[in-house]
Amino acid sequence: MADVKVNVRPNGPLIIEGPISLLDSEGNAFTLEQERVALCRCGQSAKKPFCDAAHRSAGFESTVSANS
């Protein structure tokens, strides 16, 4: 099994670390240049599904915590 880590950043993106394949809704693979990606959770990124830090200006606040 691959060693993949998912880190949920408070009020920010999902940070995925490890060897992954990321597919769009049609099954096409995104080209990943490294084994660390930040995926948008706020919905405001101009580079979806990747984070471009738009959550900062959008005032995104997550409702998910480690104890949820």
Protein backbone atom coordinates (compact mmCIF):
# COMPACT_ATOMS: atom_id res chain seq x y z
CA MET A 1 0.00 0.00 0.00
CA ALA A 2 1.27 3.48 -0.89
CA ASP A 3 2.35 5.78 1.90
CA VAL A 4 0.03 8.76 1.38
CA LYS A 5 -0.63 11.43 3.99
CA VAL A 6 -3.61 13.83 3.95
CA ASN A 7 -3.30 16.92 6.13
CA VAL A 8 -6.42 19.04 6.67
CA ARG A 9 -5.16 22.61 7.14
CA PRO A 10 -7.26 24.79 9.47
CA ASN A 11 -9.22 27.22 7.28
CA GLY A 12 -7.14 26.12 4.30
CA PRO A 13 -6.54 23.39 1.74
CA LEU A 14 -6.07 19.65 1.93
CA ILE A 15 -2.36 18.89 1.65
CA ILE A 16 -1.75 15.50 0.01
CA GLU A 17 1.73 14.01 0.30
CA GLY A 18 2.92 10.82 -1.35
CA PRO A 19 2.65 9.04 -4.67
CA ILE A 20 -0.89 9.68 -5.93
CA SER A 21 -2.89 9.80 -9.14
CA LEU A 22 -5.37 12.66 -9.41
CA LEU A 23 -8.13 12.28 -11.99
CA ASP A 24 -10.69 14.79 -13.27
CA SER A 25 -14.41 13.99 -13.58
CA GLU A 26 -13.81 12.33 -16.96
CA GLY A 27 -11.01 10.09 -15.70
CA ASN A 28 -8.16 12.12 -17.21
CA ALA A 29 -5.03 12.33 -15.07
CA PHE A 30 -3.64 15.66 -13.94
CA THR A 31 0.09 16.05 -14.49
CA LEU A 32 1.69 16.27 -11.05
CA GLU A 33 5.26 17.52 -10.88
CA GLN A 34 5.84 16.55 -7.27
CA GLU A 35 4.46 14.25 -4.59
CA ARG A 36 2.86 17.10 -2.63
CA VAL A 37 -0.29 18.94 -3.74
CA ALA A 38 -2.70 21.36 -2.09
CA LEU A 39 -6.36 20.82 -2.99
CA CYS A 40 -8.93 23.60 -2.63
CA ARG A 41 -11.68 23.29 -0.01
CA CYS A 42 -13.14 26.79 -0.18
CA GLY A 43 -14.35 26.63 -3.80
CA GLN A 44 -12.84 30.03 -4.65
CA SER A 45 -9.59 28.91 -6.33
CA ALA A 46 -9.04 29.91 -9.95
CA LYS A 47 -6.87 26.77 -10.31
CA LYS A 48 -9.38 24.15 -9.09
CA PRO A 49 -8.93 21.50 -7.92
CA PHE A 50 -5.64 23.01 -6.72
CA CYS A 51 -5.41 25.67 -4.03
CA ASP A 52 -4.24 29.16 -5.03
CA ALA A 53 -4.68 30.65 -1.52
CA ALA A 54 -8.01 32.29 -2.45
CA HIS A 55 -9.36 31.02 0.89
CA ARG A 56 -7.45 33.84 2.61
CA SER A 57 -9.24 36.70 0.82
CA ALA A 58 -12.55 34.78 0.78
CA GLY A 59 -12.57 34.46 4.57
CA PHE A 60 -13.02 30.68 4.38
CA GLU A 61 -13.49 29.05 7.78
CA SER A 62 -13.55 25.28 8.04
CA THR A 63 -15.97 23.47 10.26
CA VAL A 64 -13.90 20.28 10.39
CA SER A 65 -11.60 19.59 13.31
CA ALA A 66 -9.66 16.55 14.48
CA ASN A 67 -12.37 15.92 17.06
CA SER A 68 -15.33 16.03 14.65
